[in-house]
Amino acid sequence: MHHTHPSGPGLNRERRDRERRRRVWWSVCYGSFNPRRRSPPRRRGDSGVHFLDWHSAHLLAVSIGILLLCVMDAFLTLILLQRGAVEVNPFMAGLIYRNVAMFAGLKMAMTSAGIILMVYLARYRFMRLLQVEWALYGVLIAYASLILYEISLIKGSVGESIL
């Protein structure tokens, strides 16, 4: 009995997709140095979310700045708690009083996940008004302001201050 193998455009595409899925790390490395999508589509009809594989270098600087400020915030929060301040965020308060390492790890993980998502959507317009990239700058400014506030609390008398 003679067996024939089906051929056609669908069969080759399935084989190609399977091969691509097996080489995840190669694809990530290759895509990092040879990006294809550097800007959103130019057509007016393409108004959905568009993901890019190449982002501006300043987004890396903003992201690293936010993460460093997040670490400083965790550190300053612990100092303030030792001096009598009270954590007002109920979720973080429950965590920080049980396990400081878990508090710091979860704080960094949540901040990192948020930053990654915002960088991924940097060119997207939130509610068609604000480009997400500008929200990253807002987060950076908010964290810097929080750090200045915490430093002022440390320099002054903390007493029953809240975080």
C-alpha atoms as a PDB file:
ATOM      1  CA  MET A   1       0.000   0.000   0.000  1.00  0.00           C
ATOM      2  CA  HIS A   2       1.340   3.408  -0.936  1.00  0.00           C
ATOM      3  CA  HIS A   3       1.031   6.207   1.655  1.00  0.00           C
ATOM      4  CA  THR A   4       0.992   9.763   0.489  1.00  0.00           C
ATOM      5  CA  HIS A   5       1.870  12.616   2.732  1.00  0.00           C
ATOM      6  CA  PRO A   6      -0.393  15.598   2.527  1.00  0.00           C
ATOM      7  CA  SER A   7       1.335  18.682   1.335  1.00  0.00           C
ATOM      8  CA  GLY A   8       0.329  22.238   0.983  1.00  0.00           C
ATOM      9  CA  PRO A   9       0.828  25.625   2.572  1.00  0.00           C
ATOM     10  CA  GLY A  10      -0.737  24.605   5.916  1.00  0.00           C
ATOM     11  CA  LEU A  11       1.599  21.657   6.490  1.00  0.00           C
ATOM     12  CA  ASN A  12       4.805  23.640   5.967  1.00  0.00           C
ATOM     13  CA  ARG A  13       3.522  26.428   8.206  1.00  0.00           C
ATOM     14  CA  GLU A  14       2.738  24.000  11.050  1.00  0.00           C
ATOM     15  CA  ARG A  15       6.242  22.507  10.840  1.00  0.00           C
ATOM     16  CA  ARG A  16       7.829  25.959  10.778  1.00  0.00           C
ATOM     17  CA  ASP A  17       5.802  27.143  13.809  1.00  0.00           C
ATOM     18  CA  ARG A  18       6.778  24.059  15.802  1.00  0.00           C
ATOM     19  CA  GLU A  19      10.481  24.586  15.048  1.00  0.00           C
ATOM     20  CA  ARG A  20      10.232  28.221  16.081  1.00  0.00           C
ATOM     21  CA  ARG A  21       8.657  27.272  19.422  1.00  0.00           C
ATOM     22  CA  ARG A  22      11.545  24.933  20.257  1.00  0.00           C
ATOM     23  CA  ARG A  23      14.158  27.677  19.921  1.00  0.00           C
ATOM     24  CA  VAL A  24      12.800  30.194  22.412  1.00  0.00           C
ATOM     25  CA  TRP A  25      16.119  31.480  23.756  1.00  0.00           C
ATOM     26  CA  TRP A  26      17.636  31.669  20.287  1.00  0.00           C
ATOM     27  CA  SER A  27      14.607  33.667  19.135  1.00  0.00           C
ATOM     28  CA  VAL A  28      14.874  36.049  22.087  1.00  0.00           C
ATOM     29  CA  CYS A  29      18.590  36.633  21.487  1.00  0.00           C
ATOM     30  CA  TYR A  30      18.183  36.967  17.732  1.00  0.00           C
ATOM     31  CA  GLY A  31      15.215  39.314  18.116  1.00  0.00           C
ATOM     32  CA  SER A  32      17.136  41.453  20.596  1.00  0.00           C
ATOM     33  CA  PHE A  33      19.865  42.211  18.070  1.00  0.00           C
ATOM     34  CA  ASN A  34      17.711  42.140  14.919  1.00  0.00           C
ATOM     35  CA  PRO A  35      14.385  43.742  15.871  1.00  0.00           C
ATOM     36  CA  ARG A  36      11.688  44.018  13.254  1.00  0.00           C
ATOM     37  CA  ARG A  37       9.088  46.217  14.935  1.00  0.00           C
ATOM     38  CA  ARG A  38      10.685  49.508  15.931  1.00  0.00           C
ATOM     39  CA  SER A  39       7.599  51.706  15.600  1.00  0.00           C
ATOM     40  CA  PRO A  40       3.837  51.257  15.512  1.00  0.00           C
ATOM     41  CA  PRO A  41       2.133  50.778  12.136  1.00  0.00           C
ATOM     42  CA  ARG A  42       1.651  53.931  10.110  1.00  0.00           C
ATOM     43  CA  ARG A  43      -1.823  53.114   8.841  1.00  0.00           C
ATOM     44  CA  ARG A  44      -4.709  54.951  10.456  1.00  0.00           C
ATOM     45  CA  GLY A  45      -6.889  51.856  10.646  1.00  0.00           C
ATOM     46  CA  ASP A  46      -4.412  50.090  12.928  1.00  0.00           C
ATOM     47  CA  SER A  47      -5.594  51.582  16.209  1.00  0.00           C
ATOM     48  CA  GLY A  48      -5.132  48.532  18.457  1.00  0.00           C
ATOM     49  CA  VAL A  49      -2.299  47.747  20.810  1.00  0.00           C
ATOM     50  CA  HIS A  50       0.998  47.372  18.965  1.00  0.00           C
ATOM     51  CA  PHE A  51       3.932  45.607  20.540  1.00  0.00           C
ATOM     52  CA  LEU A  52       7.463  46.560  19.625  1.00  0.00           C
ATOM     53  CA  ASP A  53      10.647  44.572  19.925  1.00  0.00           C
ATOM     54  CA  TRP A  54      12.902  47.611  20.088  1.00  0.00           C
ATOM     55  CA  HIS A  55      12.508  50.412  22.615  1.00  0.00           C
ATOM     56  CA  SER A  56      14.342  53.665  23.165  1.00  0.00           C
ATOM     57  CA  ALA A  57      17.344  53.605  25.481  1.00  0.00           C
ATOM     58  CA  HIS A  58      15.844  56.278  27.711  1.00  0.00           C
ATOM     59  CA  LEU A  59      13.093  53.813  28.719  1.00  0.00           C
ATOM     60  CA  LEU A  60      15.810  51.553  30.122  1.00  0.00           C
ATOM     61  CA  ALA A  61      17.201  54.459  32.141  1.00  0.00           C
ATOM     62  CA  VAL A  62      13.733  55.369  33.466  1.00  0.00           C
ATOM     63  CA  SER A  63      13.027  51.716  34.318  1.00  0.00           C
ATOM     64  CA  ILE A  64      16.311  51.290  36.186  1.00  0.00           C
ATOM     65  CA  GLY A  65      15.680  54.582  37.986  1.00  0.00           C
ATOM     66  CA  ILE A  66      12.252  53.396  39.137  1.00  0.00           C
ATOM     67  CA  LEU A  67      13.686  50.089  40.360  1.00  0.00           C
ATOM     68  CA  LEU A  68      16.470  51.828  42.285  1.00  0.00           C
ATOM     69  CA  LEU A  69      13.967  54.188  43.878  1.00  0.00           C
ATOM     70  CA  CYS A  70      11.802  51.192  44.755  1.00  0.00           C
ATOM     71  CA  VAL A  71      14.742  49.613  46.596  1.00  0.00           C
ATOM     72  CA  MET A  72      15.389  52.913  48.390  1.00  0.00           C
ATOM     73  CA  ASP A  73      11.705  53.123  49.328  1.00  0.00           C
ATOM     74  CA  ALA A  74      11.775  49.649  50.877  1.00  0.00           C
ATOM     75  CA  PHE A  75      14.952  50.479  52.796  1.00  0.00           C
ATOM     76  CA  LEU A  76      13.646  53.839  54.034  1.00  0.00           C
ATOM     77  CA  THR A  77      10.317  52.264  54.965  1.00  0.00           C
ATOM     78  CA  LEU A  78      12.108  49.791  57.216  1.00  0.00           C
ATOM     79  CA  ILE A  79      14.092  52.615  58.850  1.00  0.00           C
ATOM     80  CA  LEU A  80      10.914  54.600  59.448  1.00  0.00           C
ATOM     81  CA  LEU A  81       9.132  51.583  60.911  1.00  0.00           C
ATOM     82  CA  GLN A  82      12.011  51.089  63.340  1.00  0.00           C
ATOM     83  CA  ARG A  83      11.592  54.716  64.405  1.00  0.00           C
ATOM     84  CA  GLY A  84       7.889  54.356  65.128  1.00  0.00           C
ATOM     85  CA  ALA A  85       6.148  55.058  61.831  1.00  0.00           C
ATOM     86  CA  VAL A  86       3.137  52.989  60.779  1.00  0.00           C
ATOM     87  CA  GLU A  87       2.619  51.358  57.369  1.00  0.00           C
ATOM     88  CA  VAL A  88      -0.815  52.437  56.120  1.00  0.00           C
ATOM     89  CA  ASN A  89      -1.043  50.087  53.131  1.00  0.00           C
ATOM     90  CA  PRO A  90      -2.911  47.138  54.700  1.00  0.00           C
ATOM     91  CA  PHE A  91      -1.533  44.578  52.236  1.00  0.00           C
ATOM     92  CA  MET A  92       2.075  45.612  52.704  1.00  0.00           C
ATOM     93  CA  ALA A  93       1.608  46.113  56.460  1.00  0.00           C
ATOM     94  CA  GLY A  94       0.437  42.521  56.832  1.00  0.00           C
ATOM     95  CA  LEU A  95       3.434  41.344  54.860  1.00  0.00           C
ATOM     96  CA  ILE A  96       6.138  43.556  56.350  1.00  0.00           C
ATOM     97  CA  TYR A  97       5.326  42.635  59.946  1.00  0.00           C
ATOM     98  CA  ARG A  98       5.446  38.901  59.115  1.00  0.00           C
ATOM     99  CA  ASN A  99       8.426  38.578  56.778  1.00  0.00           C
ATOM    100  CA  VAL A 100      10.665  41.473  55.728  1.00  0.00           C
ATOM    101  CA  ALA A 101      12.404  39.473  52.987  1.00  0.00           C
ATOM    102  CA  MET A 102       9.049  38.527  51.485  1.00  0.00           C
ATOM    103  CA  PHE A 103       7.965  42.180  51.666  1.00  0.00           C
ATOM    104  CA  ALA A 104      11.071  43.339  49.796  1.00  0.00           C
ATOM    105  CA  GLY A 105      10.859  40.552  47.218  1.00  0.00           C
ATOM    106  CA  LEU A 106       7.177  41.072  46.515  1.00  0.00           C
ATOM    107  CA  LYS A 107       7.619  44.852  46.318  1.00  0.00           C
ATOM    108  CA  MET A 108      10.388  44.456  43.735  1.00  0.00           C
ATOM    109  CA  ALA A 109       8.485  41.772  41.807  1.00  0.00           C
ATOM    110  CA  MET A 110       5.302  43.849  41.564  1.00  0.00           C
ATOM    111  CA  THR A 111       7.207  46.976  40.588  1.00  0.00           C
ATOM    112  CA  SER A 112       9.263  45.073  37.996  1.00  0.00           C
ATOM    113  CA  ALA A 113       6.168  43.456  36.470  1.00  0.00           C
ATOM    114  CA  GLY A 114       4.486  46.845  36.218  1.00  0.00           C
ATOM    115  CA  ILE A 115       7.544  48.406  34.584  1.00  0.00           C
ATOM    116  CA  ILE A 116       7.906  45.570  32.082  1.00  0.00           C
ATOM    117  CA  LEU A 117       4.253  45.893  31.108  1.00  0.00           C
ATOM    118  CA  MET A 118       4.502  49.670  30.781  1.00  0.00           C
ATOM    119  CA  VAL A 119       7.654  49.488  28.656  1.00  0.00           C
ATOM    120  CA  TYR A 120       6.012  46.811  26.519  1.00  0.00           C
ATOM    121  CA  LEU A 121       3.067  49.164  25.958  1.00  0.00           C
ATOM    122  CA  ALA A 122       5.158  52.366  25.871  1.00  0.00           C
ATOM    123  CA  ARG A 123       3.793  53.570  22.520  1.00  0.00           C
ATOM    124  CA  TYR A 124       0.181  52.691  23.356  1.00  0.00           C
ATOM    125  CA  ARG A 125      -2.174  55.523  24.236  1.00  0.00           C
ATOM    126  CA  PHE A 126      -4.030  54.894  27.481  1.00  0.00           C
ATOM    127  CA  MET A 127      -7.690  55.857  26.980  1.00  0.00           C
ATOM    128  CA  ARG A 128      -6.535  57.496  23.722  1.00  0.00           C
ATOM    129  CA  LEU A 129      -5.150  60.392  25.743  1.00  0.00           C
ATOM    130  CA  LEU A 130      -1.872  59.646  27.432  1.00  0.00           C
ATOM    131  CA  GLN A 131       0.982  57.711  25.926  1.00  0.00           C
ATOM    132  CA  VAL A 132       2.043  55.012  28.432  1.00  0.00           C
ATOM    133  CA  GLU A 133       5.654  56.158  28.099  1.00  0.00           C
ATOM    134  CA  TRP A 134       4.684  59.396  29.862  1.00  0.00           C
ATOM    135  CA  ALA A 135       3.097  57.392  32.680  1.00  0.00           C
ATOM    136  CA  LEU A 136       6.534  55.838  33.277  1.00  0.00           C
ATOM    137  CA  TYR A 137       7.944  59.330  33.792  1.00  0.00           C
ATOM    138  CA  GLY A 138       5.074  59.999  36.193  1.00  0.00           C
ATOM    139  CA  VAL A 139       5.946  56.885  38.212  1.00  0.00           C
ATOM    140  CA  LEU A 140       9.592  57.982  38.334  1.00  0.00           C
ATOM    141  CA  ILE A 141       8.614  61.453  39.605  1.00  0.00           C
ATOM    142  CA  ALA A 142       6.170  59.973  42.133  1.00  0.00           C
ATOM    143  CA  TYR A 143       8.833  57.609  43.509  1.00  0.00           C
ATOM    144  CA  ALA A 144      11.381  60.440  43.713  1.00  0.00           C
ATOM    145  CA  SER A 145       8.848  62.564  45.611  1.00  0.00           C
ATOM    146  CA  LEU A 146       8.115  59.672  47.973  1.00  0.00           C
ATOM    147  CA  ILE A 147      11.828  59.226  48.673  1.00  0.00           C
ATOM    148  CA  LEU A 148      12.198  62.950  49.451  1.00  0.00           C
ATOM    149  CA  TYR A 149       9.184  62.741  51.784  1.00  0.00           C
ATOM    150  CA  GLU A 150      10.620  59.706  53.589  1.00  0.00           C
ATOM    151  CA  ILE A 151      14.001  61.421  53.974  1.00  0.00           C
ATOM    152  CA  SER A 152      12.277  64.470  55.450  1.00  0.00           C
ATOM    153  CA  LEU A 153      10.479  62.190  57.928  1.00  0.00           C
ATOM    154  CA  ILE A 154      13.781  60.590  58.936  1.00  0.00           C
ATOM    155  CA  LYS A 155      15.442  63.980  59.423  1.00  0.00           C
ATOM    156  CA  GLY A 156      12.483  65.318  61.425  1.00  0.00           C
ATOM    157  CA  SER A 157      10.770  63.731  64.354  1.00  0.00           C
ATOM    158  CA  VAL A 158       8.860  60.669  63.197  1.00  0.00           C
ATOM    159  CA  GLY A 159       6.723  59.993  66.251  1.00  0.00           C
ATOM    160  CA  GLU A 160       3.378  58.739  64.973  1.00  0.00           C
ATOM    161  CA  SER A 161       4.005  59.643  61.316  1.00  0.00           C
ATOM    162  CA  ILE A 162       2.510  57.449  58.656  1.00  0.00           C
ATOM    163  CA  LEU A 163       4.110  56.157  55.497  1.00  0.00           C
END
